[in-house]
Amino acid sequence: MKNLDPATRTELEAAAFRRLVQHLRERTDVQNIDLMNLAGFCRNCLSNWMKDAADERKLDLTKEEARELVYGMPYEEWKAKHQQEANPSQQAAFEKSRPSH
């Protein structure tokens, strides 16, 4: 698909992003720290990247609004329902591989 026009590519990328976000909303058993330790990014990273993109375009999107777009609910509600305290091995792995983004 070398001849993919920019608009179609953007549509495909957006569809893949929406599917990733939906998947992460459904997999509430997967903790952010595990995502960070294994993949170097988590739901918070996705919401931060969304906010960065909005800021670059001078769009008014708060950090909390970006998180709600990713989590599908207010972040504090998601944390109360789904987030568990990181155990010592998770914390140690995070400190060892902490991403710089």
N, C-alpha and C. Protein backbone atom coordinates (compact mmCIF):
# COMPACT_ATOMS: atom_id res chain seq x y z
N MET A 1 0.84 -1.20 0.00
CA MET A 1 0.00 0.00 0.00
C MET A 1 0.88 1.25 0.00
N LYS A 2 1.81 1.27 -0.91
CA LYS A 2 2.71 2.42 -1.03
C LYS A 2 2.00 3.67 -1.51
N ASN A 3 0.88 3.50 -2.20
CA ASN A 3 0.17 4.63 -2.79
C ASN A 3 -0.95 5.15 -1.89
N LEU A 4 -0.85 4.92 -0.61
CA LEU A 4 -1.88 5.37 0.33
C LEU A 4 -1.85 6.90 0.43
N ASP A 5 -2.96 7.53 0.17
CA ASP A 5 -2.99 9.00 0.27
C ASP A 5 -3.02 9.40 1.75
N PRO A 6 -2.56 10.60 2.07
CA PRO A 6 -2.46 11.04 3.46
C PRO A 6 -3.78 10.99 4.23
N ALA A 7 -4.88 11.35 3.59
CA ALA A 7 -6.17 11.34 4.28
C ALA A 7 -6.58 9.92 4.65
N THR A 8 -6.39 8.99 3.74
CA THR A 8 -6.74 7.59 4.03
C THR A 8 -5.84 7.04 5.12
N ARG A 9 -4.56 7.36 5.05
CA ARG A 9 -3.64 6.91 6.10
C ARG A 9 -4.09 7.44 7.46
N THR A 10 -4.45 8.70 7.53
CA THR A 10 -4.92 9.29 8.79
C THR A 10 -6.17 8.58 9.29
N GLU A 11 -7.09 8.26 8.37
CA GLU A 11 -8.31 7.54 8.75
C GLU A 11 -7.98 6.16 9.32
N LEU A 12 -7.06 5.46 8.69
CA LEU A 12 -6.66 4.14 9.17
C LEU A 12 -5.98 4.23 10.53
N GLU A 13 -5.10 5.20 10.69
CA GLU A 13 -4.42 5.39 11.97
C GLU A 13 -5.43 5.74 13.07
N ALA A 14 -6.39 6.59 12.75
CA ALA A 14 -7.41 6.95 13.73
C ALA A 14 -8.26 5.75 14.11
N ALA A 15 -8.60 4.92 13.14
CA ALA A 15 -9.39 3.72 13.43
C ALA A 15 -8.60 2.77 14.32
N ALA A 16 -7.31 2.61 14.04
CA ALA A 16 -6.47 1.74 14.87
C ALA A 16 -6.36 2.29 16.29
N PHE A 17 -6.23 3.60 16.42
CA PHE A 17 -6.15 4.23 17.74
C PHE A 17 -7.45 4.01 18.51
N ARG A 18 -8.58 4.22 17.85
CA ARG A 18 -9.88 4.01 18.52
C ARG A 18 -10.02 2.57 18.99
N ARG A 19 -9.55 1.64 18.18
CA ARG A 19 -9.63 0.23 18.55
C ARG A 19 -8.72 -0.07 19.74
N LEU A 20 -7.52 0.50 19.76
CA LEU A 20 -6.61 0.35 20.89
C LEU A 20 -7.24 0.89 22.17
N VAL A 21 -7.81 2.08 22.10
CA VAL A 21 -8.45 2.69 23.26
C VAL A 21 -9.61 1.83 23.75
N GLN A 22 -10.43 1.34 22.84
CA GLN A 22 -11.54 0.47 23.23
C GLN A 22 -11.04 -0.80 23.90
N HIS A 23 -9.99 -1.37 23.34
CA HIS A 23 -9.40 -2.57 23.92
C HIS A 23 -8.91 -2.30 25.35
N LEU A 24 -8.24 -1.18 25.55
CA LEU A 24 -7.74 -0.85 26.89
C LEU A 24 -8.89 -0.55 27.86
N ARG A 25 -9.98 0.01 27.37
CA ARG A 25 -11.15 0.23 28.23
C ARG A 25 -11.74 -1.10 28.69
N GLU A 26 -11.74 -2.08 27.80
CA GLU A 26 -12.29 -3.38 28.13
C GLU A 26 -11.37 -4.20 29.03
N ARG A 27 -10.07 -3.99 28.93
CA ARG A 27 -9.10 -4.76 29.70
C ARG A 27 -8.71 -4.01 30.97
N THR A 28 -9.69 -3.78 31.82
CA THR A 28 -9.44 -3.07 33.07
C THR A 28 -8.57 -3.89 34.02
N ASP A 29 -8.41 -5.19 33.73
CA ASP A 29 -7.55 -6.03 34.55
C ASP A 29 -6.07 -5.73 34.31
N VAL A 30 -5.76 -5.11 33.18
CA VAL A 30 -4.38 -4.76 32.87
C VAL A 30 -4.08 -3.40 33.49
N GLN A 31 -3.17 -3.41 34.43
CA GLN A 31 -2.82 -2.19 35.16
C GLN A 31 -1.87 -1.32 34.35
N ASN A 32 -1.96 -0.02 34.56
CA ASN A 32 -1.08 0.91 33.85
C ASN A 32 0.40 0.60 34.11
N ILE A 33 0.74 0.25 35.33
CA ILE A 33 2.15 -0.01 35.63
C ILE A 33 2.65 -1.23 34.85
N ASP A 34 1.79 -2.21 34.64
CA ASP A 34 2.18 -3.37 33.83
C ASP A 34 2.39 -2.96 32.37
N LEU A 35 1.51 -2.11 31.86
CA LEU A 35 1.70 -1.59 30.50
C LEU A 35 3.02 -0.84 30.39
N MET A 36 3.30 0.00 31.39
CA MET A 36 4.55 0.76 31.38
C MET A 36 5.75 -0.17 31.42
N ASN A 37 5.70 -1.17 32.26
CA ASN A 37 6.84 -2.07 32.41
C ASN A 37 7.06 -2.93 31.17
N LEU A 38 5.99 -3.30 30.50
CA LEU A 38 6.12 -4.16 29.33
C LEU A 38 6.26 -3.40 28.02
N ALA A 39 5.54 -2.31 27.88
CA ALA A 39 5.49 -1.62 26.59
C ALA A 39 6.07 -0.21 26.61
N GLY A 40 6.29 0.33 27.80
CA GLY A 40 6.85 1.68 27.88
C GLY A 40 5.83 2.79 27.71
N PHE A 41 4.56 2.44 27.73
CA PHE A 41 3.50 3.45 27.70
C PHE A 41 2.26 2.87 28.36
N CYS A 42 1.33 3.76 28.73
CA CYS A 42 0.09 3.31 29.37
C CYS A 42 -1.06 4.22 28.93
N ARG A 43 -2.19 4.05 29.56
CA ARG A 43 -3.36 4.86 29.24
C ARG A 43 -3.09 6.34 29.49
N ASN A 44 -2.37 6.65 30.56
CA ASN A 44 -2.05 8.05 30.85
C ASN A 44 -1.17 8.64 29.75
N CYS A 45 -0.22 7.85 29.23
CA CYS A 45 0.62 8.31 28.14
C CYS A 45 -0.23 8.65 26.92
N LEU A 46 -1.16 7.76 26.59
CA LEU A 46 -2.05 8.02 25.45
C LEU A 46 -2.81 9.33 25.63
N SER A 47 -3.33 9.54 26.83
CA SER A 47 -4.09 10.77 27.05
C SER A 47 -3.17 11.99 27.02
N ASN A 48 -1.94 11.86 27.50
CA ASN A 48 -0.97 12.97 27.43
C ASN A 48 -0.62 13.28 25.97
N TRP A 49 -0.46 12.24 25.16
CA TRP A 49 -0.15 12.45 23.75
C TRP A 49 -1.32 13.12 23.04
N MET A 50 -2.54 12.76 23.43
CA MET A 50 -3.71 13.39 22.85
C MET A 50 -3.74 14.88 23.22
N LYS A 51 -3.45 15.17 24.47
CA LYS A 51 -3.42 16.56 24.91
C LYS A 51 -2.32 17.33 24.17
N ASP A 52 -1.16 16.72 24.03
CA ASP A 52 -0.07 17.37 23.28
C ASP A 52 -0.51 17.71 21.85
N ALA A 53 -1.19 16.76 21.21
CA ALA A 53 -1.67 17.00 19.84
C ALA A 53 -2.68 18.15 19.81
N ALA A 54 -3.56 18.20 20.81
CA ALA A 54 -4.52 19.30 20.89
C ALA A 54 -3.80 20.62 21.12
N ASP A 55 -2.81 20.62 22.00
CA ASP A 55 -2.05 21.85 22.28
C ASP A 55 -1.34 22.35 21.02
N GLU A 56 -0.77 21.43 20.25
CA GLU A 56 -0.08 21.81 19.00
C GLU A 56 -1.03 22.49 18.03
N ARG A 57 -2.28 22.11 18.09
CA ARG A 57 -3.29 22.68 17.20
C ARG A 57 -4.06 23.82 17.86
N LYS A 58 -3.59 24.22 19.03
CA LYS A 58 -4.21 25.32 19.80
C LYS A 58 -5.67 25.04 20.11
N LEU A 59 -5.97 23.76 20.40
CA LEU A 59 -7.32 23.35 20.80
C LEU A 59 -7.40 23.31 22.31
N ASP A 60 -8.54 23.66 22.84
CA ASP A 60 -8.74 23.72 24.28
C ASP A 60 -9.16 22.34 24.80
N LEU A 61 -8.18 21.56 25.25
CA LEU A 61 -8.44 20.24 25.82
C LEU A 61 -7.63 20.13 27.10
N THR A 62 -8.32 19.92 28.21
CA THR A 62 -7.62 19.80 29.49
C THR A 62 -7.05 18.40 29.66
N LYS A 63 -6.15 18.25 30.60
CA LYS A 63 -5.59 16.94 30.90
C LYS A 63 -6.69 15.97 31.32
N GLU A 64 -7.61 16.43 32.14
CA GLU A 64 -8.71 15.56 32.58
C GLU A 64 -9.64 15.19 31.43
N GLU A 65 -9.90 16.10 30.52
CA GLU A 65 -10.74 15.78 29.36
C GLU A 65 -10.05 14.75 28.47
N ALA A 66 -8.75 14.89 28.28
CA ALA A 66 -8.00 13.92 27.48
C ALA A 66 -8.03 12.55 28.15
N ARG A 67 -7.89 12.51 29.47
CA ARG A 67 -7.95 11.23 30.17
C ARG A 67 -9.32 10.60 30.04
N GLU A 68 -10.36 11.40 30.10
CA GLU A 68 -11.71 10.84 29.97
C GLU A 68 -11.93 10.27 28.57
N LEU A 69 -11.33 10.89 27.55
CA LEU A 69 -11.44 10.35 26.20
C LEU A 69 -10.79 8.97 26.11
N VAL A 70 -9.70 8.76 26.83
CA VAL A 70 -9.00 7.47 26.80
C VAL A 70 -9.66 6.46 27.73
N TYR A 71 -9.97 6.86 28.94
CA TYR A 71 -10.52 5.94 29.93
C TYR A 71 -12.01 5.66 29.75
N GLY A 72 -12.72 6.56 29.07
CA GLY A 72 -14.15 6.38 28.88
C GLY A 72 -14.97 6.82 30.09
N MET A 73 -14.32 7.42 31.04
CA MET A 73 -14.95 7.93 32.26
C MET A 73 -13.95 8.85 32.93
N PRO A 74 -14.37 9.63 33.92
CA PRO A 74 -13.39 10.45 34.64
C PRO A 74 -12.29 9.56 35.25
N TYR A 75 -11.06 10.05 35.18
CA TYR A 75 -9.90 9.29 35.63
C TYR A 75 -10.04 8.84 37.08
N GLU A 76 -10.50 9.70 37.95
CA GLU A 76 -10.64 9.34 39.37
C GLU A 76 -11.63 8.20 39.55
N GLU A 77 -12.68 8.18 38.74
CA GLU A 77 -13.65 7.09 38.80
C GLU A 77 -13.00 5.78 38.35
N TRP A 78 -12.22 5.84 37.25
CA TRP A 78 -11.54 4.64 36.76
C TRP A 78 -10.57 4.11 37.82
N LYS A 79 -9.81 5.02 38.43
CA LYS A 79 -8.86 4.59 39.46
C LYS A 79 -9.58 3.90 40.61
N ALA A 80 -10.68 4.48 41.06
CA ALA A 80 -11.42 3.89 42.18
C ALA A 80 -11.98 2.51 41.84
N LYS A 81 -12.40 2.33 40.60
CA LYS A 81 -13.00 1.06 40.19
C LYS A 81 -11.97 -0.01 39.82
N HIS A 82 -10.84 0.41 39.23
CA HIS A 82 -9.98 -0.57 38.57
C HIS A 82 -8.51 -0.57 38.98
N GLN A 83 -8.01 0.52 39.51
CA GLN A 83 -6.57 0.57 39.77
C GLN A 83 -6.22 -0.09 41.09
N GLN A 84 -5.18 -0.91 41.04
CA GLN A 84 -4.68 -1.57 42.23
C GLN A 84 -3.34 -0.94 42.62
N GLU A 85 -3.00 -1.07 43.89
CA GLU A 85 -1.70 -0.58 44.35
C GLU A 85 -0.60 -1.42 43.70
N ALA A 86 0.42 -0.75 43.19
CA ALA A 86 1.54 -1.46 42.58
C ALA A 86 2.32 -2.21 43.66
N ASN A 87 2.67 -3.45 43.36
CA ASN A 87 3.45 -4.22 44.33
C ASN A 87 4.93 -3.87 44.18
N PRO A 88 5.75 -4.27 45.14
CA PRO A 88 7.18 -3.91 45.11
C PRO A 88 7.90 -4.34 43.83
N SER A 89 7.58 -5.50 43.28
CA SER A 89 8.27 -5.94 42.06
C SER A 89 7.84 -5.09 40.86
N GLN A 90 6.58 -4.68 40.81
CA GLN A 90 6.13 -3.80 39.74
C GLN A 90 6.82 -2.44 39.84
N GLN A 91 6.92 -1.93 41.07
CA GLN A 91 7.57 -0.64 41.27
C GLN A 91 9.04 -0.70 40.90
N ALA A 92 9.72 -1.78 41.28
CA ALA A 92 11.14 -1.93 40.97
C ALA A 92 11.36 -2.01 39.46
N ALA A 93 10.50 -2.77 38.76
CA ALA A 93 10.61 -2.88 37.31
C ALA A 93 10.38 -1.53 36.65
N PHE A 94 9.44 -0.76 37.18
CA PHE A 94 9.16 0.57 36.63
C PHE A 94 10.37 1.48 36.80
N GLU A 95 10.98 1.47 37.98
CA GLU A 95 12.14 2.32 38.23
C GLU A 95 13.31 1.94 37.31
N LYS A 96 13.43 0.67 37.02
CA LYS A 96 14.52 0.18 36.19
C LYS A 96 14.34 0.58 34.72
N SER A 97 13.10 0.58 34.25
CA SER A 97 12.85 0.82 32.82
C SER A 97 12.04 2.08 32.56
N ARG A 98 12.03 3.00 33.50
CA ARG A 98 11.19 4.21 33.39
C ARG A 98 11.42 4.91 32.05
N PRO A 99 10.36 5.07 31.27
CA PRO A 99 10.49 5.77 29.98
C PRO A 99 10.76 7.27 30.19
N SER A 100 11.36 7.87 29.20
CA SER A 100 11.69 9.29 29.31
C SER A 100 10.67 10.19 28.64
N HIS A 101 9.55 9.62 28.20
CA HIS A 101 8.55 10.48 27.53
C HIS A 101 7.64 10.98 28.61
